[in-house]
Amino acid sequence: MIYTSESILVQGKYKNVQLKDIPQTYLVELYRSCNCWNDEELKLYIRNVIPSVLFSTKSSEPSIDVILNFPCEKVCWVTEKAAKDEIKRIDKVKQKKRKPTRAYECDKCGGWHLTSQEKK
């Protein structure tokens, strides 16, 4: 099967949902967990629609789990762990500006953002 953005996912959390409507975070987790149900075409689709920065391995750079094209227009991380790792990385940098202190899951995009605001 050749996948397009209108294709319907047939298994998993987003069963019966068009691929274009599934959060990129879920697609990345699906790809990385090797849980594409042995569907090489689905893996190829995910690889082609997700920004290539997610698949690099340069450890000296900021977190590779960042996604820049979510509907909320904020910098976004795929997982909570990746966001928290980024907070640790930023904490080591000397700067006068406020630094993020926590990560939170976005209701709009399903990704993880950083903030320096205290939790309400």
C-alpha atoms as a PDB file:
ATOM      1  CA  MET A   1       0.000   0.000   0.000  1.00  0.00           C
ATOM      2  CA  ILE A   2       1.288   3.481  -0.851  1.00  0.00           C
ATOM      3  CA  TYR A   3       0.510   5.922   1.956  1.00  0.00           C
ATOM      4  CA  THR A   4      -0.610   9.531   1.492  1.00  0.00           C
ATOM      5  CA  SER A   5      -1.759  12.125   4.011  1.00  0.00           C
ATOM      6  CA  GLU A   6      -5.332  10.955   3.382  1.00  0.00           C
ATOM      7  CA  SER A   7      -4.542   7.304   4.160  1.00  0.00           C
ATOM      8  CA  ILE A   8      -6.251   5.841   7.222  1.00  0.00           C
ATOM      9  CA  LEU A   9      -4.237   4.241  10.014  1.00  0.00           C
ATOM     10  CA  VAL A  10      -5.650   0.763  10.562  1.00  0.00           C
ATOM     11  CA  GLN A  11      -4.177  -0.050  13.981  1.00  0.00           C
ATOM     12  CA  GLY A  12      -3.076   1.554  17.209  1.00  0.00           C
ATOM     13  CA  LYS A  13      -4.138   4.573  19.206  1.00  0.00           C
ATOM     14  CA  TYR A  14      -5.196   6.512  16.086  1.00  0.00           C
ATOM     15  CA  LYS A  15      -6.999   3.677  14.342  1.00  0.00           C
ATOM     16  CA  ASN A  16      -9.366   4.928  11.599  1.00  0.00           C
ATOM     17  CA  VAL A  17      -7.766   8.418  11.558  1.00  0.00           C
ATOM     18  CA  GLN A  18      -6.219  10.000   8.456  1.00  0.00           C
ATOM     19  CA  LEU A  19      -2.435  10.228   8.684  1.00  0.00           C
ATOM     20  CA  LYS A  20      -2.538  14.013   8.209  1.00  0.00           C
ATOM     21  CA  ASP A  21      -4.606  14.289  11.411  1.00  0.00           C
ATOM     22  CA  ILE A  22      -2.296  12.179  13.578  1.00  0.00           C
ATOM     23  CA  PRO A  23       0.175  14.121  15.748  1.00  0.00           C
ATOM     24  CA  GLN A  24       3.714  13.938  14.417  1.00  0.00           C
ATOM     25  CA  THR A  25       4.858  12.931  17.885  1.00  0.00           C
ATOM     26  CA  TYR A  26       2.840   9.730  17.611  1.00  0.00           C
ATOM     27  CA  LEU A  27       4.177   8.978  14.128  1.00  0.00           C
ATOM     28  CA  VAL A  28       7.758   9.465  15.325  1.00  0.00           C
ATOM     29  CA  GLU A  29       7.174   7.218  18.338  1.00  0.00           C
ATOM     30  CA  LEU A  30       5.637   4.635  16.027  1.00  0.00           C
ATOM     31  CA  TYR A  31       8.637   4.790  13.695  1.00  0.00           C
ATOM     32  CA  ARG A  32      11.252   4.738  16.455  1.00  0.00           C
ATOM     33  CA  SER A  33       9.640   1.927  18.402  1.00  0.00           C
ATOM     34  CA  CYS A  34       9.728  -0.281  15.297  1.00  0.00           C
ATOM     35  CA  ASN A  35       6.022  -0.712  15.867  1.00  0.00           C
ATOM     36  CA  CYS A  36       4.934  -0.014  12.295  1.00  0.00           C
ATOM     37  CA  TRP A  37       3.448  -3.510  12.191  1.00  0.00           C
ATOM     38  CA  ASN A  38       6.147  -4.634   9.728  1.00  0.00           C
ATOM     39  CA  ASP A  39       4.793  -2.113   7.242  1.00  0.00           C
ATOM     40  CA  GLU A  40       7.759  -0.759   5.285  1.00  0.00           C
ATOM     41  CA  GLU A  41       5.517   1.594   3.284  1.00  0.00           C
ATOM     42  CA  LEU A  42       4.258   3.195   6.509  1.00  0.00           C
ATOM     43  CA  LYS A  43       7.850   3.611   7.701  1.00  0.00           C
ATOM     44  CA  LEU A  44       8.716   5.245   4.373  1.00  0.00           C
ATOM     45  CA  TYR A  45       5.729   7.604   4.637  1.00  0.00           C
ATOM     46  CA  ILE A  46       6.700   8.633   8.184  1.00  0.00           C
ATOM     47  CA  ARG A  47      10.321   9.120   7.165  1.00  0.00           C
ATOM     48  CA  ASN A  48       9.238  11.382   4.289  1.00  0.00           C
ATOM     49  CA  VAL A  49       6.798  13.593   6.199  1.00  0.00           C
ATOM     50  CA  ILE A  50       8.687  14.098   9.464  1.00  0.00           C
ATOM     51  CA  PRO A  51      11.500  16.698   9.452  1.00  0.00           C
ATOM     52  CA  SER A  52      14.859  15.056   8.852  1.00  0.00           C
ATOM     53  CA  VAL A  53      16.319  16.647  11.999  1.00  0.00           C
ATOM     54  CA  LEU A  54      14.506  13.944  13.958  1.00  0.00           C
ATOM     55  CA  PHE A  55      16.586  11.249  12.364  1.00  0.00           C
ATOM     56  CA  SER A  56      20.058  12.774  12.807  1.00  0.00           C
ATOM     57  CA  THR A  57      22.389  11.543  15.532  1.00  0.00           C
ATOM     58  CA  LYS A  58      24.689  14.483  16.332  1.00  0.00           C
ATOM     59  CA  SER A  59      24.858  14.391  20.124  1.00  0.00           C
ATOM     60  CA  SER A  60      26.756  17.686  20.512  1.00  0.00           C
ATOM     61  CA  GLU A  61      23.780  19.670  19.241  1.00  0.00           C
ATOM     62  CA  PRO A  62      20.502  20.480  20.972  1.00  0.00           C
ATOM     63  CA  SER A  63      18.033  17.636  21.325  1.00  0.00           C
ATOM     64  CA  ILE A  64      17.409  15.819  18.052  1.00  0.00           C
ATOM     65  CA  ASP A  65      13.803  15.239  19.082  1.00  0.00           C
ATOM     66  CA  VAL A  66      12.735  18.768  18.215  1.00  0.00           C
ATOM     67  CA  ILE A  67       9.958  19.371  15.716  1.00  0.00           C
ATOM     68  CA  LEU A  68       9.507  22.853  14.273  1.00  0.00           C
ATOM     69  CA  ASN A  69       6.322  22.640  12.237  1.00  0.00           C
ATOM     70  CA  PHE A  70       3.513  22.071  14.691  1.00  0.00           C
ATOM     71  CA  PRO A  71       0.258  24.043  14.486  1.00  0.00           C
ATOM     72  CA  CYS A  72       1.017  25.861  17.751  1.00  0.00           C
ATOM     73  CA  GLU A  73       4.151  27.384  16.138  1.00  0.00           C
ATOM     74  CA  LYS A  74       6.330  26.733  19.196  1.00  0.00           C
ATOM     75  CA  VAL A  75       9.499  24.684  19.303  1.00  0.00           C
ATOM     76  CA  CYS A  76       8.365  21.202  20.182  1.00  0.00           C
ATOM     77  CA  TRP A  77       9.956  17.987  21.431  1.00  0.00           C
ATOM     78  CA  VAL A  78       8.680  14.531  20.616  1.00  0.00           C
ATOM     79  CA  THR A  79       8.823  13.141  24.145  1.00  0.00           C
ATOM     80  CA  GLU A  80       8.874  14.460  27.700  1.00  0.00           C
ATOM     81  CA  LYS A  81      12.303  12.886  28.190  1.00  0.00           C
ATOM     82  CA  ALA A  82      13.714  14.731  25.171  1.00  0.00           C
ATOM     83  CA  ALA A  83      12.307  18.028  26.473  1.00  0.00           C
ATOM     84  CA  LYS A  84      13.777  17.432  29.935  1.00  0.00           C
ATOM     85  CA  ASP A  85      17.141  16.519  28.385  1.00  0.00           C
ATOM     86  CA  GLU A  86      17.041  19.854  26.570  1.00  0.00           C
ATOM     87  CA  ILE A  87      16.378  21.656  29.870  1.00  0.00           C
ATOM     88  CA  LYS A  88      19.482  19.968  31.319  1.00  0.00           C
ATOM     89  CA  ARG A  89      21.530  21.010  28.280  1.00  0.00           C
ATOM     90  CA  ILE A  90      20.334  24.624  28.492  1.00  0.00           C
ATOM     91  CA  ASP A  91      20.987  24.711  32.240  1.00  0.00           C
ATOM     92  CA  LYS A  92      24.709  24.191  31.553  1.00  0.00           C
ATOM     93  CA  VAL A  93      24.851  27.228  29.243  1.00  0.00           C
ATOM     94  CA  LYS A  94      25.861  30.541  30.838  1.00  0.00           C
ATOM     95  CA  GLN A  95      23.344  33.237  29.998  1.00  0.00           C
ATOM     96  CA  LYS A  96      21.522  36.145  31.619  1.00  0.00           C
ATOM     97  CA  LYS A  97      18.100  35.318  30.146  1.00  0.00           C
ATOM     98  CA  ARG A  98      15.633  33.168  32.041  1.00  0.00           C
ATOM     99  CA  LYS A  99      16.076  29.482  31.473  1.00  0.00           C
ATOM    100  CA  PRO A 100      13.308  26.918  31.138  1.00  0.00           C
ATOM    101  CA  THR A 101      12.659  24.938  34.296  1.00  0.00           C
ATOM    102  CA  ARG A 102      10.032  22.449  33.199  1.00  0.00           C
ATOM    103  CA  ALA A 103       8.420  20.757  30.215  1.00  0.00           C
ATOM    104  CA  TYR A 104       4.710  20.540  29.520  1.00  0.00           C
ATOM    105  CA  GLU A 105       2.564  18.670  27.023  1.00  0.00           C
ATOM    106  CA  CYS A 106       0.754  20.904  24.543  1.00  0.00           C
ATOM    107  CA  ASP A 107      -3.008  20.472  24.158  1.00  0.00           C
ATOM    108  CA  LYS A 108      -2.828  21.839  20.609  1.00  0.00           C
ATOM    109  CA  CYS A 109      -0.095  19.727  19.043  1.00  0.00           C
ATOM    110  CA  GLY A 110       0.544  16.836  21.429  1.00  0.00           C
ATOM    111  CA  GLY A 111       4.254  17.681  21.611  1.00  0.00           C
ATOM    112  CA  TRP A 112       6.324  18.932  24.550  1.00  0.00           C
ATOM    113  CA  HIS A 113       7.324  22.566  25.116  1.00  0.00           C
ATOM    114  CA  LEU A 114       9.684  24.216  27.601  1.00  0.00           C
ATOM    115  CA  THR A 115       8.782  27.029  29.975  1.00  0.00           C
ATOM    116  CA  SER A 116      10.309  28.999  32.818  1.00  0.00           C
ATOM    117  CA  GLN A 117       6.873  29.686  34.331  1.00  0.00           C
ATOM    118  CA  GLU A 118       5.905  27.931  37.538  1.00  0.00           C
ATOM    119  CA  LYS A 119       3.170  25.312  37.280  1.00  0.00           C
ATOM    120  CA  LYS A 120      -0.253  26.720  38.188  1.00  0.00           C
END
